[in-house]
Amino acid sequence: MTPMTSSTPPPTESLPRWARVALGVLVAVALGLTFLAYLNPHLAVDLANRLWACF
């Protein structure tokens, strides 16, 4: 029996290294900005009010 080989590379190897680093930085910045936004209590209350108004 012959071993099965895959012709497609694993997902982590499909992007160049610089693209993976850029994507990681972009995700980290987006998460950081989201966490910083929630430090403003007015934003948290406004978002809660908008969500509650949907019901």
C-alpha atoms as a PDB file:
ATOM      1  CA  MET A   1       0.000   0.000   0.000  1.00  0.00           C
ATOM      2  CA  THR A   2       1.376   3.429  -0.924  1.00  0.00           C
ATOM      3  CA  PRO A   3       1.195   6.314   1.544  1.00  0.00           C
ATOM      4  CA  MET A   4      -1.297   9.031   0.692  1.00  0.00           C
ATOM      5  CA  THR A   5       0.229  12.409  -0.019  1.00  0.00           C
ATOM      6  CA  SER A   6      -1.543  15.707  -0.197  1.00  0.00           C
ATOM      7  CA  SER A   7      -0.901  18.023  -3.115  1.00  0.00           C
ATOM      8  CA  THR A   8      -2.160  21.097  -1.253  1.00  0.00           C
ATOM      9  CA  PRO A   9      -0.034  22.635   1.491  1.00  0.00           C
ATOM     10  CA  PRO A  10      -1.421  23.030   5.006  1.00  0.00           C
ATOM     11  CA  PRO A  11      -3.372  26.275   5.547  1.00  0.00           C
ATOM     12  CA  THR A  12      -0.554  27.893   7.525  1.00  0.00           C
ATOM     13  CA  GLU A  13       1.828  27.444   4.618  1.00  0.00           C
ATOM     14  CA  SER A  14      -0.530  28.776   1.952  1.00  0.00           C
ATOM     15  CA  LEU A  15       0.202  32.411   2.861  1.00  0.00           C
ATOM     16  CA  PRO A  16       3.643  33.971   2.843  1.00  0.00           C
ATOM     17  CA  ARG A  17       5.171  34.700   6.226  1.00  0.00           C
ATOM     18  CA  TRP A  18       4.745  38.476   5.880  1.00  0.00           C
ATOM     19  CA  ALA A  19       1.023  38.018   5.148  1.00  0.00           C
ATOM     20  CA  ARG A  20       0.538  35.864   8.253  1.00  0.00           C
ATOM     21  CA  VAL A  21       2.373  38.427  10.369  1.00  0.00           C
ATOM     22  CA  ALA A  22       0.320  41.285   8.871  1.00  0.00           C
ATOM     23  CA  LEU A  23      -2.904  39.376   9.492  1.00  0.00           C
ATOM     24  CA  GLY A  24      -1.899  38.713  13.096  1.00  0.00           C
ATOM     25  CA  VAL A  25      -1.064  42.377  13.660  1.00  0.00           C
ATOM     26  CA  LEU A  26      -4.368  43.436  12.090  1.00  0.00           C
ATOM     27  CA  VAL A  27      -6.338  41.084  14.334  1.00  0.00           C
ATOM     28  CA  ALA A  28      -4.416  42.246  17.422  1.00  0.00           C
ATOM     29  CA  VAL A  29      -5.082  45.915  16.595  1.00  0.00           C
ATOM     30  CA  ALA A  30      -8.787  45.252  15.993  1.00  0.00           C
ATOM     31  CA  LEU A  31      -9.108  43.405  19.310  1.00  0.00           C
ATOM     32  CA  GLY A  32      -7.164  46.109  21.132  1.00  0.00           C
ATOM     33  CA  LEU A  33      -9.384  48.858  19.750  1.00  0.00           C
ATOM     34  CA  THR A  34     -12.480  46.876  20.710  1.00  0.00           C
ATOM     35  CA  PHE A  35     -11.264  46.431  24.275  1.00  0.00           C
ATOM     36  CA  LEU A  36     -10.322  50.117  24.492  1.00  0.00           C
ATOM     37  CA  ALA A  37     -13.776  51.129  23.247  1.00  0.00           C
ATOM     38  CA  TYR A  38     -15.407  49.261  26.127  1.00  0.00           C
ATOM     39  CA  LEU A  39     -13.379  51.306  28.634  1.00  0.00           C
ATOM     40  CA  ASN A  40     -15.726  54.186  27.791  1.00  0.00           C
ATOM     41  CA  PRO A  41     -18.819  53.523  29.957  1.00  0.00           C
ATOM     42  CA  HIS A  42     -21.061  55.635  27.718  1.00  0.00           C
ATOM     43  CA  LEU A  43     -20.340  53.370  24.766  1.00  0.00           C
ATOM     44  CA  ALA A  44     -21.165  50.231  26.743  1.00  0.00           C
ATOM     45  CA  VAL A  45     -24.463  51.720  27.955  1.00  0.00           C
ATOM     46  CA  ASP A  46     -25.345  52.978  24.469  1.00  0.00           C
ATOM     47  CA  LEU A  47     -24.681  49.562  22.921  1.00  0.00           C
ATOM     48  CA  ALA A  48     -26.743  47.861  25.628  1.00  0.00           C
ATOM     49  CA  ASN A  49     -29.614  50.284  25.041  1.00  0.00           C
ATOM     50  CA  ARG A  50     -29.502  49.726  21.286  1.00  0.00           C
ATOM     51  CA  LEU A  51     -29.516  45.957  21.764  1.00  0.00           C
ATOM     52  CA  TRP A  52     -32.383  46.166  24.266  1.00  0.00           C
ATOM     53  CA  ALA A  53     -34.388  48.356  21.855  1.00  0.00           C
ATOM     54  CA  CYS A  54     -34.412  45.487  19.360  1.00  0.00           C
ATOM     55  CA  PHE A  55     -36.703  43.500  21.654  1.00  0.00           C
END
